[in-house]
C-alpha atoms as a PDB file:
ATOM      1  CA  GLN A   1      21.863 -89.788 -59.800  1.00  0.00           C
ATOM      2  CA  VAL A   2      19.235 -89.323 -57.137  1.00  0.00           C
ATOM      3  CA  GLN A   3      18.868 -85.758 -55.895  1.00  0.00           C
ATOM      4  CA  PHE A   4      16.518 -83.963 -53.536  1.00  0.00           C
ATOM      5  CA  VAL A   5      16.479 -80.173 -53.807  1.00  0.00           C
ATOM      6  CA  GLU A   6      14.536 -78.392 -51.084  1.00  0.00           C
ATOM      7  CA  SER A   7      13.593 -74.724 -50.984  1.00  0.00           C
ATOM      8  CA  GLY A   8      11.234 -72.277 -49.332  1.00  0.00           C
ATOM      9  CA  GLY A   9      12.563 -72.103 -45.800  1.00  0.00           C
ATOM     10  CA  GLY A  10      13.328 -68.919 -43.947  1.00  0.00           C
ATOM     11  CA  LEU A  11      12.787 -66.859 -40.849  1.00  0.00           C
ATOM     12  CA  VAL A  12       9.168 -66.312 -39.898  1.00  0.00           C
ATOM     13  CA  GLN A  13       7.380 -64.995 -36.846  1.00  0.00           C
ATOM     14  CA  PRO A  14       5.166 -67.240 -34.749  1.00  0.00           C
ATOM     15  CA  GLY A  15       1.795 -67.560 -36.417  1.00  0.00           C
ATOM     16  CA  GLY A  16       3.247 -67.063 -39.862  1.00  0.00           C
ATOM     17  CA  SER A  17       3.305 -69.394 -42.840  1.00  0.00           C
ATOM     18  CA  LEU A  18       5.843 -70.945 -45.149  1.00  0.00           C
ATOM     19  CA  ARG A  19       5.579 -73.227 -48.130  1.00  0.00           C
ATOM     20  CA  LEU A  20       8.403 -75.658 -48.696  1.00  0.00           C
ATOM     21  CA  SER A  21       9.020 -77.173 -52.093  1.00  0.00           C
ATOM     22  CA  CYS A  22      11.087 -80.100 -53.243  1.00  0.00           C
ATOM     23  CA  ALA A  23      12.101 -81.160 -56.729  1.00  0.00           C
ATOM     24  CA  PRO A  24      13.487 -84.666 -56.605  1.00  0.00           C
ATOM     25  CA  SER A  25      15.200 -86.221 -59.611  1.00  0.00           C
ATOM     26  CA  GLY A  26      16.985 -89.352 -60.653  1.00  0.00           C
ATOM     27  CA  PHE A  27      14.228 -91.819 -59.848  1.00  0.00           C
ATOM     28  CA  THR A  28      10.691 -92.630 -60.955  1.00  0.00           C
ATOM     29  CA  PHE A  29       8.782 -90.058 -58.938  1.00  0.00           C
ATOM     30  CA  THR A  30       5.378 -91.703 -59.140  1.00  0.00           C
ATOM     31  CA  ARG A  31       6.575 -95.005 -57.676  1.00  0.00           C
ATOM     32  CA  TYR A  32       7.471 -93.659 -54.259  1.00  0.00           C
ATOM     33  CA  ALA A  33       5.653 -92.433 -51.207  1.00  0.00           C
ATOM     34  CA  LEU A  34       7.312 -89.163 -50.286  1.00  0.00           C
ATOM     35  CA  ALA A  35       7.758 -87.305 -47.052  1.00  0.00           C
ATOM     36  CA  TRP A  36       9.043 -84.238 -45.350  1.00  0.00           C
ATOM     37  CA  TRP A  37      11.465 -84.867 -42.531  1.00  0.00           C
ATOM     38  CA  ARG A  38      12.707 -82.474 -39.884  1.00  0.00           C
ATOM     39  CA  GLN A  39      15.898 -82.413 -37.909  1.00  0.00           C
ATOM     40  CA  VAL A  40      16.579 -80.277 -34.891  1.00  0.00           C
ATOM     41  CA  SER A  41      20.163 -79.855 -33.773  1.00  0.00           C
ATOM     42  CA  GLY A  42      21.241 -82.759 -31.632  1.00  0.00           C
ATOM     43  CA  LYS A  43      18.234 -84.902 -32.440  1.00  0.00           C
ATOM     44  CA  GLU A  44      17.432 -87.519 -35.026  1.00  0.00           C
ATOM     45  CA  ARG A  45      15.442 -86.687 -38.097  1.00  0.00           C
ATOM     46  CA  GLU A  46      11.727 -87.227 -37.654  1.00  0.00           C
ATOM     47  CA  LEU A  47       9.053 -87.734 -40.245  1.00  0.00           C
ATOM     48  CA  VAL A  48       6.702 -84.771 -40.292  1.00  0.00           C
ATOM     49  CA  ALA A  49       4.319 -85.600 -43.111  1.00  0.00           C
ATOM     50  CA  SER A  50       4.002 -88.128 -45.901  1.00  0.00           C
ATOM     51  CA  VAL A  51       2.065 -88.488 -49.116  1.00  0.00           C
ATOM     52  CA  GLY A  52       1.511 -91.813 -50.820  1.00  0.00           C
ATOM     53  CA  THR A  53       1.633 -92.586 -54.516  1.00  0.00           C
ATOM     54  CA  PHE A  54      -2.114 -91.997 -54.762  1.00  0.00           C
ATOM     55  CA  GLY A  55      -2.046 -88.786 -52.745  1.00  0.00           C
ATOM     56  CA  ASP A  56      -3.031 -90.248 -49.386  1.00  0.00           C
ATOM     57  CA  THR A  57      -1.492 -88.195 -46.597  1.00  0.00           C
ATOM     58  CA  ASN A  58      -0.317 -88.928 -43.083  1.00  0.00           C
ATOM     59  CA  TYR A  59       0.934 -86.726 -40.274  1.00  0.00           C
ATOM     60  CA  PRO A  60       2.638 -88.795 -37.572  1.00  0.00           C
ATOM     61  CA  LEU A  61       3.315 -85.784 -35.387  1.00  0.00           C
ATOM     62  CA  SER A  62       0.189 -84.660 -33.595  1.00  0.00           C
ATOM     63  CA  SER A  63       1.748 -81.222 -33.172  1.00  0.00           C
ATOM     64  CA  VAL A  64       1.473 -80.442 -36.894  1.00  0.00           C
ATOM     65  CA  LYS A  65      -1.960 -81.875 -37.612  1.00  0.00           C
ATOM     66  CA  GLY A  66      -4.306 -79.204 -38.823  1.00  0.00           C
ATOM     67  CA  ARG A  67      -1.435 -76.800 -39.508  1.00  0.00           C
ATOM     68  CA  PHE A  68       0.715 -78.586 -42.097  1.00  0.00           C
ATOM     69  CA  THR A  69      -0.423 -79.909 -45.450  1.00  0.00           C
ATOM     70  CA  ILE A  70       1.695 -82.070 -47.691  1.00  0.00           C
ATOM     71  CA  SER A  71       0.962 -82.443 -51.377  1.00  0.00           C
ATOM     72  CA  ARG A  72       2.549 -83.832 -54.494  1.00  0.00           C
ATOM     73  CA  ASP A  73       2.297 -82.941 -58.154  1.00  0.00           C
ATOM     74  CA  ASN A  74       3.107 -86.001 -60.201  1.00  0.00           C
ATOM     75  CA  ALA A  75       3.087 -84.042 -63.455  1.00  0.00           C
ATOM     76  CA  LYS A  76       5.635 -81.528 -62.195  1.00  0.00           C
ATOM     77  CA  LYS A  77       7.423 -84.089 -60.014  1.00  0.00           C
ATOM     78  CA  THR A  78       7.360 -81.882 -56.972  1.00  0.00           C
ATOM     79  CA  VAL A  79       6.324 -82.297 -53.363  1.00  0.00           C
ATOM     80  CA  SER A  80       5.319 -79.408 -51.129  1.00  0.00           C
ATOM     81  CA  LEU A  81       4.655 -78.708 -47.494  1.00  0.00           C
ATOM     82  CA  GLN A  82       2.357 -75.849 -46.580  1.00  0.00           C
ATOM     83  CA  MET A  83       2.994 -74.807 -42.998  1.00  0.00           C
ATOM     84  CA  ASN A  84       0.572 -72.473 -41.283  1.00  0.00           C
ATOM     85  CA  ASN A  85       0.356 -71.024 -37.796  1.00  0.00           C
ATOM     86  CA  LEU A  86       3.997 -71.791 -37.258  1.00  0.00           C
ATOM     87  CA  LYS A  87       5.346 -72.224 -33.768  1.00  0.00           C
ATOM     88  CA  SER A  88       8.851 -71.975 -32.389  1.00  0.00           C
ATOM     89  CA  GLU A  89       8.981 -75.745 -31.983  1.00  0.00           C
ATOM     90  CA  ASP A  90       8.550 -76.127 -35.747  1.00  0.00           C
ATOM     91  CA  SER A  91      12.030 -74.713 -36.256  1.00  0.00           C
ATOM     92  CA  GLY A  92      14.553 -77.035 -37.793  1.00  0.00           C
ATOM     93  CA  MET A  93      16.096 -78.222 -41.007  1.00  0.00           C
ATOM     94  CA  TYR A  94      13.508 -79.699 -43.321  1.00  0.00           C
ATOM     95  CA  TYR A  95      14.292 -82.376 -45.857  1.00  0.00           C
ATOM     96  CA  CYS A  96      12.219 -84.175 -48.406  1.00  0.00           C
ATOM     97  CA  ASN A  97      12.838 -87.835 -49.115  1.00  0.00           C
ATOM     98  CA  THR A  98      10.983 -91.042 -49.598  1.00  0.00           C
ATOM     99  CA  VAL A  99       9.076 -92.479 -46.666  1.00  0.00           C
ATOM    100  CA  ARG A 100      11.207 -95.612 -46.471  1.00  0.00           C
ATOM    101  CA  LEU A 101      14.516 -93.892 -47.251  1.00  0.00           C
ATOM    102  CA  GLU A 102      15.355 -96.618 -49.729  1.00  0.00           C
ATOM    103  CA  LEU A 103      17.234 -94.267 -52.040  1.00  0.00           C
ATOM    104  CA  LYS A 104      19.906 -93.685 -49.382  1.00  0.00           C
ATOM    105  CA  THR A 105      20.657 -90.066 -50.099  1.00  0.00           C
ATOM    106  CA  TRP A 106      19.661 -86.718 -48.634  1.00  0.00           C
ATOM    107  CA  GLY A 107      19.476 -83.237 -50.018  1.00  0.00           C
ATOM    108  CA  GLN A 108      20.858 -80.187 -48.271  1.00  0.00           C
ATOM    109  CA  GLY A 109      17.529 -79.352 -46.713  1.00  0.00           C
ATOM    110  CA  THR A 110      15.954 -75.982 -46.106  1.00  0.00           C
ATOM    111  CA  GLN A 111      16.132 -74.192 -42.762  1.00  0.00           C
ATOM    112  CA  VAL A 112      12.962 -73.051 -41.041  1.00  0.00           C
ATOM    113  CA  THR A 113      13.313 -70.684 -38.129  1.00  0.00           C
ATOM    114  CA  VAL A 114      10.256 -69.528 -36.231  1.00  0.00           C
ATOM    115  CA  SER A 115      11.114 -66.658 -33.961  1.00  0.00           C
ATOM    116  CA  SER A 116       9.907 -63.236 -32.978  1.00  0.00           C
END
């Protein structure tokens, strides 16, 4: 059974940092490009950052470039998102998943709230 378990969210002031972690299971971790997705209430989920099977990274949102860093640990089968200099517009529910969403399931996500 495929599962994505996200953690590390919370309430942080603007300019602060958070590190999100995800421990997927139920599939061959090393075969998939993985990503962090974000959903803001009333909007569709958007891909925030991705990491390929060889560790190549991509940040489609220009707003997070230079502030967010995605990484994966194939030995521990985890994927992380380091978020620095957080801004209010970074708030949302964060999910990890594959880039292509071929596994057709979502975890519960972890809430990030950036507010003073």
